[in-house]
Protein backbone atom coordinates (compact mmCIF):
# COMPACT_ATOMS: atom_id res chain seq x y z
CA MET A 1 87.06 33.78 57.30
CA GLU A 2 88.73 33.47 60.70
CA THR A 3 87.75 36.04 63.32
CA PRO A 4 90.67 38.24 64.48
CA LYS A 5 91.89 37.28 67.94
CA ASN A 6 90.93 40.61 69.48
CA GLU A 7 87.37 40.28 68.10
CA VAL A 8 86.63 36.73 69.36
CA PHE A 9 84.53 38.10 72.20
CA ARG A 10 81.89 39.22 69.68
CA ASP A 11 81.22 35.62 68.63
CA SER A 12 80.96 34.11 72.10
CA ILE A 13 79.91 34.84 75.65
CA GLY A 14 81.97 34.56 78.78
CA THR A 15 79.72 31.91 80.33
CA ILE A 16 80.27 29.37 77.53
CA ASN A 17 83.65 27.71 76.91
CA GLU A 18 85.09 26.56 73.58
CA ASP A 19 83.43 23.15 73.96
CA GLY A 20 80.02 24.78 74.31
CA LYS A 21 79.72 23.88 77.99
CA ARG A 22 78.86 26.13 80.92
CA ASN A 23 81.81 28.22 82.02
CA TRP A 24 81.04 28.90 85.67
CA ILE A 25 81.72 32.52 86.67
CA PHE A 26 83.55 33.16 89.94
CA PRO A 27 83.55 36.97 90.26
CA LYS A 28 85.88 38.58 92.74
CA LYS A 29 84.10 40.19 95.69
CA PRO A 30 83.59 43.84 94.73
CA SER A 31 84.32 46.79 96.98
CA GLY A 32 84.59 50.52 96.59
CA TYR A 33 82.59 53.71 96.28
CA TYR A 34 79.95 52.56 93.80
CA TYR A 35 79.51 49.19 95.47
CA GLU A 36 78.70 50.87 98.79
CA LYS A 37 76.19 53.16 97.07
CA ARG A 38 74.64 50.17 95.31
CA LYS A 39 74.30 48.36 98.63
CA ILE A 40 72.35 51.28 100.09
CA VAL A 41 70.06 51.48 97.04
CA SER A 42 69.62 47.69 96.96
CA TYR A 43 68.67 47.34 100.61
CA ILE A 44 66.19 50.21 100.35
CA LEU A 45 64.61 48.51 97.31
CA LEU A 46 64.62 45.13 99.07
CA ALA A 47 62.86 46.67 102.07
CA PHE A 48 60.32 48.21 99.69
CA LEU A 49 59.84 44.91 97.85
CA PHE A 50 59.17 42.96 101.03
CA ALA A 51 57.01 45.65 102.64
CA ALA A 52 54.87 46.77 99.67
CA PRO A 53 52.34 43.86 99.78
CA PHE A 54 51.70 44.49 103.49
CA VAL A 55 51.30 48.28 103.34
CA LYS A 56 47.73 49.52 103.01
CA ILE A 57 46.51 52.89 101.73
CA ASN A 58 42.79 53.55 102.32
CA GLY A 59 42.40 49.83 102.82
CA ASN A 60 44.05 48.99 99.49
CA GLN A 61 47.24 46.95 99.26
CA PHE A 62 50.05 49.24 98.07
CA LEU A 63 50.97 46.93 95.18
CA LEU A 64 48.77 44.06 93.98
CA PHE A 65 48.82 42.14 90.70
CA ASN A 66 45.99 39.64 91.09
CA ILE A 67 45.86 38.31 87.56
CA LEU A 68 43.36 35.53 88.31
CA GLU A 69 40.74 37.91 89.71
CA ARG A 70 41.87 40.72 87.39
CA ARG A 71 42.43 43.16 90.23
CA PHE A 72 45.44 45.43 90.39
CA ASN A 73 46.60 48.04 92.89
CA ILE A 74 49.38 50.43 91.93
CA PHE A 75 50.61 52.68 94.75
CA GLY A 76 47.38 51.98 96.63
CA TYR A 77 45.22 52.98 93.68
CA PRO A 78 42.86 50.13 92.62
CA PHE A 79 42.44 49.13 88.98
CA TRP A 80 39.52 46.90 87.97
CA PRO A 81 38.95 45.07 84.67
CA GLN A 82 36.90 48.10 83.63
CA ASP A 83 40.04 50.22 84.17
CA PHE A 84 42.26 48.06 81.98
CA HIS A 85 42.96 50.98 79.66
CA LEU A 86 44.43 52.91 82.62
CA PHE A 87 46.60 49.94 83.56
CA VAL A 88 47.85 49.63 79.97
CA ILE A 89 48.76 53.34 79.83
CA SER A 90 50.59 52.99 83.15
CA MET A 91 52.62 50.07 81.77
CA ILE A 92 53.39 52.01 78.57
CA ILE A 93 54.62 54.93 80.70
CA GLY A 94 56.91 52.51 82.55
CA VAL A 95 58.32 51.13 79.30
CA VAL A 96 58.91 54.61 77.81
CA PHE A 97 60.51 55.74 81.09
CA ILE A 98 62.97 52.81 81.06
CA THR A 99 63.63 53.39 77.35
CA LEU A 100 64.42 57.05 78.03
CA PHE A 101 66.91 56.15 80.75
CA THR A 102 68.49 53.49 78.54
CA VAL A 103 69.03 55.99 75.72
CA GLY A 104 70.53 58.45 78.17
CA PHE A 105 72.29 56.26 80.71
CA GLY A 106 72.58 52.78 79.23
CA ARG A 107 71.69 49.69 81.21
CA ILE A 108 71.69 51.53 84.54
CA PHE A 109 68.34 49.93 85.43
CA CYS A 110 69.94 46.48 85.32
CA GLY A 111 72.86 47.39 87.55
CA TRP A 112 71.05 49.40 90.19
CA ILE A 113 67.31 48.57 90.22
CA CYS A 114 66.61 45.20 88.55
CA PRO A 115 65.40 42.62 91.15
CA GLN A 116 67.46 39.90 89.45
CA THR A 117 70.70 41.85 89.94
CA ILE A 118 69.82 42.96 93.47
CA PHE A 119 68.96 39.46 94.67
CA MET A 120 71.88 37.85 92.87
CA GLU A 121 74.62 40.30 93.83
CA MET A 122 73.40 41.66 97.16
CA VAL A 123 71.81 38.55 98.67
CA PHE A 124 72.82 35.22 97.15
CA ARG A 125 76.33 36.20 96.08
CA ARG A 126 77.06 37.74 99.50
CA ILE A 127 75.88 34.51 101.17
CA GLU A 128 78.25 32.64 98.87
CA TYR A 129 81.18 34.90 99.76
CA TRP A 130 80.41 34.35 103.45
CA ILE A 131 80.35 30.54 103.16
CA ASP A 132 82.70 29.70 100.26
CA GLY A 133 85.05 32.69 100.39
CA ASP A 134 86.23 34.98 97.59
CA ARG A 135 86.99 34.12 93.96
CA ASN A 136 90.10 31.96 94.43
CA LYS A 137 88.63 30.04 97.38
CA GLN A 138 85.46 29.33 95.39
CA LYS A 139 87.46 28.01 92.44
CA ARG A 140 89.57 25.88 94.74
CA LEU A 141 86.46 24.52 96.48
CA LYS A 142 84.91 23.58 93.13
CA ARG A 143 87.99 21.53 92.19
CA GLN A 144 88.21 20.01 95.66
CA LYS A 145 87.09 16.42 96.25
CA TRP A 146 83.88 15.80 98.17
CA ASN A 147 85.35 15.76 101.65
CA SER A 148 83.66 16.85 104.89
CA GLU A 149 84.49 20.54 104.35
CA LYS A 150 83.01 20.68 100.87
CA ILE A 151 79.89 18.72 101.86
CA ARG A 152 79.33 20.96 104.90
CA LYS A 153 79.72 24.19 102.89
CA ARG A 154 77.60 22.99 99.99
CA LEU A 155 74.74 21.75 102.20
CA LEU A 156 74.78 24.94 104.27
CA LYS A 157 74.78 27.17 101.19
CA TRP A 158 72.07 25.19 99.40
CA PHE A 159 69.88 25.15 102.52
CA ILE A 160 70.16 28.93 103.01
CA PHE A 161 69.52 29.48 99.28
CA LEU A 162 66.39 27.33 99.58
CA VAL A 163 65.12 29.24 102.65
CA VAL A 164 65.67 32.61 100.95
CA SER A 165 63.98 31.32 97.77
CA PHE A 166 61.00 30.17 99.84
CA LEU A 167 60.79 33.60 101.48
CA ILE A 168 60.91 35.35 98.09
CA ALA A 169 58.21 32.99 96.76
CA ASN A 170 55.91 33.92 99.68
CA VAL A 171 56.38 37.63 99.02
CA PHE A 172 55.81 37.04 95.30
CA LEU A 173 52.59 35.20 96.18
CA ALA A 174 51.49 38.13 98.36
CA TYR A 175 51.69 40.34 95.26
CA LEU A 176 49.50 37.90 93.34
CA ILE A 177 46.77 36.87 95.79
CA GLY A 178 47.01 39.64 98.39
CA SER A 179 48.81 39.76 101.71
CA ASN A 180 45.64 39.29 103.79
CA LYS A 181 44.81 36.07 102.02
CA LEU A 182 48.42 34.85 102.28
CA LEU A 183 48.52 35.50 106.05
CA LYS A 184 45.19 33.71 106.45
CA TYR A 185 46.53 30.69 104.56
CA MET A 186 49.62 30.65 106.76
CA ILE A 187 47.48 30.67 109.92
CA ASP A 188 45.17 27.96 108.57
CA GLY A 189 48.14 25.76 107.69
CA PRO A 190 49.61 24.90 104.28
CA PHE A 191 47.69 21.65 103.81
CA GLU A 192 44.36 23.45 104.19
CA HIS A 193 45.10 25.26 100.92
CA VAL A 194 46.90 22.76 98.71
CA ASN A 195 45.96 24.67 95.56
CA THR A 196 48.08 27.56 96.84
CA LEU A 197 50.81 25.38 98.35
CA ILE A 198 51.64 23.77 94.99
CA PRO A 199 52.29 27.10 93.18
CA LEU A 200 54.32 28.23 96.22
CA ILE A 201 56.55 25.16 95.91
CA ILE A 202 56.89 25.75 92.15
CA PHE A 203 57.85 29.42 92.70
CA THR A 204 60.40 28.37 95.32
CA GLY A 205 61.92 25.89 92.86
CA VAL A 206 62.07 28.48 90.10
CA PHE A 207 63.77 31.09 92.30
CA TYR A 208 66.21 28.50 93.64
CA PHE A 209 67.06 27.37 90.10
CA ILE A 210 67.62 30.96 88.95
CA PHE A 211 69.81 32.12 91.81
CA ALA A 212 71.64 28.88 92.61
CA TRP A 213 72.37 27.72 89.06
CA PHE A 214 71.08 29.87 86.16
CA ARG A 215 72.38 33.12 87.67
CA GLU A 216 73.91 35.60 85.21
CA GLN A 217 72.47 33.58 82.32
CA VAL A 218 69.17 35.36 83.00
CA CYS A 219 70.76 38.70 82.05
CA ILE A 220 72.79 37.29 79.16
CA ILE A 221 70.35 34.84 77.56
CA ALA A 222 66.80 35.20 78.91
CA CYS A 223 66.26 38.93 79.53
CA PRO A 224 64.94 40.78 76.46
CA TYR A 225 66.05 44.14 77.87
CA GLY A 226 69.68 43.29 77.13
CA ARG A 227 68.80 42.85 73.46
CA LEU A 228 67.00 46.20 73.43
CA GLN A 229 70.18 47.87 74.59
CA GLY A 230 71.77 47.25 71.20
CA VAL A 231 69.19 49.37 69.37
CA LEU A 232 68.68 52.05 72.02
CA LEU A 233 72.26 53.03 72.78
CA ASP A 234 74.21 55.50 70.70
CA THR A 235 77.59 57.22 70.99
CA LYS A 236 76.08 59.86 73.30
CA SER A 237 74.69 57.39 75.88
CA ILE A 238 76.34 57.37 79.30
CA VAL A 239 77.50 53.82 80.05
CA VAL A 240 80.18 52.03 82.06
CA ALA A 241 83.06 52.37 79.60
CA TYR A 242 86.81 51.88 79.37
CA ASP A 243 88.73 54.98 78.26
CA HIS A 244 90.76 53.31 75.50
CA LYS A 245 92.42 56.61 74.56
CA ARG A 246 94.00 56.86 77.96
CA GLY A 247 94.35 53.13 78.64
CA GLU A 248 95.99 52.13 75.35
CA ALA A 249 97.80 55.29 74.21
CA GLU A 250 100.04 54.68 71.16
CA ASN A 251 101.65 51.34 72.04
CA GLY A 252 98.84 49.67 73.99
CA ARG A 253 98.58 48.44 77.56
CA LYS A 254 101.52 47.06 79.50
CA THR A 255 102.08 45.39 82.87
CA PHE A 256 103.19 47.69 85.65
CA ARG A 257 106.87 48.13 86.48
CA LYS A 258 108.00 50.34 89.30
CA ASN A 259 109.81 53.58 88.33
CA GLU A 260 109.09 53.01 84.63
CA ASP A 261 108.06 56.04 82.53
CA ARG A 262 105.06 54.55 80.73
CA LYS A 263 104.22 57.81 78.95
CA ALA A 264 107.69 58.10 77.44
CA LEU A 265 107.42 54.50 76.18
CA GLY A 266 104.03 55.27 74.59
CA HIS A 267 102.04 52.91 76.80
CA GLY A 268 98.64 53.71 78.29
CA ASP A 269 97.57 53.63 81.93
CA CYS A 270 96.04 50.13 81.71
CA ILE A 271 98.51 47.72 83.35
CA ASP A 272 96.68 44.64 81.98
CA CYS A 273 96.02 43.25 85.48
CA SER A 274 92.65 41.76 84.36
CA GLN A 275 91.06 42.65 87.70
CA CYS A 276 88.17 44.32 85.86
CA VAL A 277 87.52 40.94 84.21
CA ASN A 278 87.87 38.97 87.44
CA VAL A 279 85.33 41.15 89.26
CA CYS A 280 82.73 41.14 86.45
CA PRO A 281 79.60 39.09 87.35
CA THR A 282 78.93 38.27 83.68
CA GLY A 283 82.54 37.42 82.80
CA ILE A 284 83.20 40.08 80.15
CA ASP A 285 86.22 42.25 79.47
CA ILE A 286 84.99 45.85 79.57
CA ARG A 287 88.13 46.89 77.65
CA ASN A 288 86.57 45.35 74.54
CA GLY A 289 83.96 48.10 74.52
CA THR A 290 80.22 48.18 75.22
CA GLN A 291 78.74 44.68 75.18
CA LEU A 292 75.22 43.36 75.57
CA GLU A 293 76.32 41.22 78.53
CA CYS A 294 77.34 44.30 80.56
CA VAL A 295 74.73 45.14 83.20
CA ASN A 296 76.41 48.39 84.29
CA CYS A 297 76.99 47.07 87.82
CA THR A 298 80.08 49.35 88.26
CA ALA A 299 82.16 46.56 89.86
CA CYS A 300 84.88 47.11 87.24
CA ILE A 301 84.92 50.87 87.99
CA ASP A 302 85.60 50.29 91.69
CA GLU A 303 88.24 47.64 91.01
CA CYS A 304 90.06 49.73 88.40
CA ASP A 305 89.98 52.83 90.63
CA HIS A 306 91.56 50.78 93.42
CA ILE A 307 94.34 49.60 91.09
CA MET A 308 94.96 53.10 89.73
CA ALA A 309 95.18 54.52 93.26
CA SER A 310 97.64 51.82 94.31
CA ILE A 311 100.07 52.74 91.49
CA ASN A 312 99.58 56.52 91.81
CA LEU A 313 97.68 57.00 88.55
CA PRO A 314 94.47 59.02 88.19
CA LYS A 315 91.17 57.21 88.78
CA GLY A 316 88.49 57.01 86.11
CA LEU A 317 90.16 54.77 83.55
CA ILE A 318 86.85 52.88 83.65
CA ARG A 319 83.97 55.22 84.45
CA TYR A 320 80.49 56.38 83.60
CA THR A 321 80.97 58.17 80.30
CA SER A 322 79.94 58.19 76.65
CA GLU A 323 81.85 57.14 73.56
CA GLU A 324 81.73 60.74 72.34
CA ASN A 325 83.23 61.95 75.60
CA ILE A 326 86.13 59.50 75.24
CA GLU A 327 86.75 60.39 71.61
CA LYS A 328 85.94 64.10 71.56
CA LYS A 329 85.76 65.14 75.25
CA THR A 330 82.19 66.40 74.71
CA SER A 331 79.94 66.79 77.75
CA PHE A 332 76.55 65.12 78.19
CA LYS A 333 73.50 66.91 76.82
CA LEU A 334 69.94 66.03 75.89
CA THR A 335 69.71 64.63 72.38
CA ASN A 336 66.73 64.97 70.05
CA ARG A 337 65.86 61.32 70.76
CA MET A 338 65.75 61.98 74.49
CA LYS A 339 63.68 65.12 73.99
CA GLY A 340 61.25 63.08 71.90
CA TYR A 341 60.88 60.44 74.62
CA ILE A 342 60.41 63.17 77.25
CA ALA A 343 57.65 64.73 75.13
CA VAL A 344 55.93 61.34 74.78
CA LEU A 345 56.18 60.83 78.56
CA ILE A 346 54.63 64.22 79.27
CA ILE A 347 51.75 63.47 76.88
CA LEU A 348 51.17 60.02 78.41
CA PHE A 349 51.25 61.42 81.95
CA GLY A 350 48.72 64.06 80.88
CA VAL A 351 46.42 61.45 79.35
CA LEU A 352 46.68 59.24 82.44
CA ALA A 353 46.03 62.16 84.80
CA GLY A 354 42.96 63.18 82.78
CA MET A 355 41.58 59.64 82.74
CA LEU A 356 42.15 59.25 86.48
CA ALA A 357 40.34 62.53 87.13
CA LEU A 358 37.35 61.37 85.04
CA ARG A 359 37.32 57.88 86.59
CA ASN A 360 34.21 57.19 88.68
CA ASP A 361 34.34 55.44 92.03
CA VAL A 362 31.31 53.45 90.99
CA GLU A 363 30.81 51.95 87.56
CA ALA A 364 27.39 50.80 86.37
CA VAL A 365 26.75 48.57 83.39
CA ILE A 366 23.13 47.85 82.38
CA LEU A 367 22.58 45.63 79.36
CA ARG A 368 19.46 44.24 77.74
CA LEU A 369 19.14 40.51 78.34
CA PRO A 370 20.44 38.76 75.20
CA GLY A 371 17.80 37.07 73.06
CA GLN A 372 14.88 38.82 74.78
CA LEU A 373 12.48 41.08 72.86
CA TYR A 374 10.06 43.57 74.34
CA GLU A 375 6.85 42.46 76.08
CA HIS A 376 3.36 43.99 75.69
CA LYS A 377 1.52 44.66 78.95
CA ASP A 378 -1.85 46.13 79.81
CA ASN A 379 -2.62 49.79 79.17
CA GLY A 380 -0.06 50.09 76.37
CA ILE A 381 2.94 49.37 78.56
CA ILE A 382 6.09 47.99 76.89
CA SER A 383 8.55 46.11 79.08
CA ASN A 384 12.23 45.19 78.52
CA VAL A 385 14.35 43.01 80.78
CA PHE A 386 17.94 44.04 81.63
CA THR A 387 20.85 42.79 83.69
CA TYR A 388 22.89 45.19 85.77
CA LYS A 389 26.34 45.14 87.34
CA LEU A 390 27.61 47.73 89.79
CA VAL A 391 31.31 47.84 90.67
CA ASN A 392 32.27 49.64 93.87
CA LYS A 393 35.93 50.73 93.52
CA THR A 394 36.04 52.42 96.92
CA THR A 395 36.85 51.01 100.36
CA ASP A 396 33.44 52.07 101.74
CA THR A 397 30.11 50.28 101.46
CA ILE A 398 27.59 52.16 99.29
CA ASP A 399 24.07 51.97 100.75
CA ASN A 400 20.53 52.63 99.51
CA ILE A 401 21.26 52.30 95.81
CA SER A 402 18.38 52.82 93.41
CA PHE A 403 17.82 53.39 89.69
CA LYS A 404 15.75 56.19 88.12
CA LEU A 405 14.98 57.07 84.51
CA ARG A 406 16.04 60.49 83.34
CA GLY A 407 13.88 62.63 81.06
CA ILE A 408 11.04 60.13 80.55
CA ASP A 409 8.18 58.71 82.61
CA GLY A 410 8.46 55.03 83.37
CA ASP A 411 9.10 52.43 86.02
CA ILE A 412 12.14 50.39 86.97
CA LYS A 413 11.27 47.19 88.80
CA MET A 414 13.93 45.09 90.47
CA VAL A 415 13.87 41.30 90.37
CA SER A 416 14.66 39.23 93.47
CA THR A 417 15.61 42.25 95.57
CA THR A 418 14.13 45.31 97.20
CA GLU A 419 13.90 48.63 95.42
CA THR A 420 17.15 49.67 97.09
CA PHE A 421 20.26 47.62 97.82
CA LYS A 422 23.92 48.06 98.76
CA VAL A 423 27.34 47.26 97.28
CA ASN A 424 30.07 46.20 99.69
CA ALA A 425 33.47 47.89 99.72
CA GLN A 426 35.40 46.92 96.58
CA GLY A 427 32.53 44.59 95.77
CA ILE A 428 30.22 43.88 92.86
CA ALA A 429 26.41 43.79 92.84
CA GLU A 430 24.61 42.03 90.01
CA GLY A 431 20.97 41.40 89.25
CA THR A 432 18.02 41.75 86.88
CA LEU A 433 15.52 44.56 86.39
CA PHE A 434 12.56 45.47 84.19
CA ILE A 435 12.03 48.85 82.57
CA GLU A 436 8.40 49.63 81.69
CA LEU A 437 7.43 52.55 79.44
CA ASN A 438 4.21 53.71 77.85
CA GLN A 439 4.20 52.93 74.13
CA ASN A 440 3.15 56.48 73.35
CA ASP A 441 6.42 57.75 74.81
CA LEU A 442 8.52 55.63 72.45
CA SER A 443 9.93 56.85 69.16
CA GLY A 444 10.36 53.77 67.03
CA ASP A 445 11.77 50.35 67.73
CA LYS A 446 15.04 51.52 69.30
CA ASN A 447 15.12 54.10 72.05
CA LYS A 448 18.11 55.43 73.96
CA LEU A 449 17.46 55.88 77.67
CA ARG A 450 19.58 57.41 80.43
CA ILE A 451 19.48 55.83 83.87
CA ASP A 452 20.77 57.58 86.97
CA VAL A 453 22.20 55.54 89.82
CA PHE A 454 21.42 57.05 93.22
CA SER A 455 22.82 56.45 96.69
CA ASN A 456 20.84 58.12 99.45
CA GLU A 457 19.20 60.37 96.86
CA GLU A 458 22.59 61.47 95.45
CA ILE A 459 23.57 60.65 91.87
CA ILE A 460 26.73 58.55 91.83
CA GLU A 461 26.70 57.31 88.22
CA THR A 462 24.79 57.62 84.95
CA THR A 463 24.59 55.03 82.21
CA LYS A 464 22.79 54.52 78.89
CA VAL A 465 20.64 51.61 77.69
CA SER A 466 18.89 50.69 74.47
CA PHE A 467 15.14 50.06 74.88
CA LEU A 468 13.24 48.03 72.26
CA GLY A 469 9.66 48.78 71.27
CA PRO A 470 7.22 48.07 68.44
CA ARG A 471 8.32 49.33 65.05
CA SER A 472 6.46 52.42 63.91
CA TYR A 473 5.08 52.47 60.33
CA ASN A 474 3.90 56.08 60.35
């Protein structure tokens, strides 16, 4: 069955032509109220993105995602492998938070906050407008033969794109390995750290490929968030939408003619100028309704408002609104779905806050050496061998650390170290120790012991161990 002409857009995307080849998008340079607000938000976020790896709080990098060493800092708060449950809850909170805003306000994250959109529209696209010109000049340059002008503009644009991609790759690397290490590598010289240089080159190539060629395809094809939009949105969600009631009226849209009474002829306010299509960075026609390709960038709102103002018609033909508002003029209010997500967020925040409050600055793990049984010693002494690991999550060195048994007489003897030791700031101390108890103090073959960890005679952590002894046949 052939698809109706006005429904063709549902079976195709604006970046693919009828032959299945790439249809290059040349969006018109946006301008207007929302675009200026987006520029302010984007440049604040860009400043944050570039500064965050180099900002320290209590000696901790503000944001760090060191996957290889399994160390993470979020807002200056360190997360170790032992804190993975806290990191997972934090990520779940982020997902629920974005889901809540999508249900309420559509794909606003994509248009205003997403790094892909910010870099593409506020950095690379603006460089392109500066070098190649606006929409028509870019199209003309693409069709132009390779003369000196085209070669000069292409080489200049590609070179600047490559430099910006390299800069982004360095910042990205600072998030992964830490800014201190990155700065050290830069001072040492790139060829002193080839193992880091190779990933840096790969990251640069990936970013260059995305922003110089793949572009809006990331949002349309690769990003899973766009697919989620289809199941999260409902008729009450606030999105960038075309008011078809006002734009189409009874007899549909019609090109503008001076001194013509459009209302008397039954035509809507849309003059079919297609400027909302020309300015769209993903190549869609917002008049076809909400589409997965729409990133809510508001470029069509600004362009339509400019057209409406120029022909003395009210602004807001395309605006932030809901389908229910267009159809029934209902105002925005919290739905049961949104209240449910808010309740889940409150619960998750409470759980996270409780876990953070109970989180120790020092974590001790003492485990019996695998494969080792107990050992009989003189005078009825039973000995077990253990390994210990102490993780210092603070930015201060912890001195004079010692172990003591709680509630039972016995000795703890360290191996290959003194009776006290220290753990460096954000460091790990590992070693081996023996616990020796009198057999008369044991109750069977398995005994639960509590060990206190002291620093300068102050308890900083308590842990439990399982002590093996001879089986009792009484």
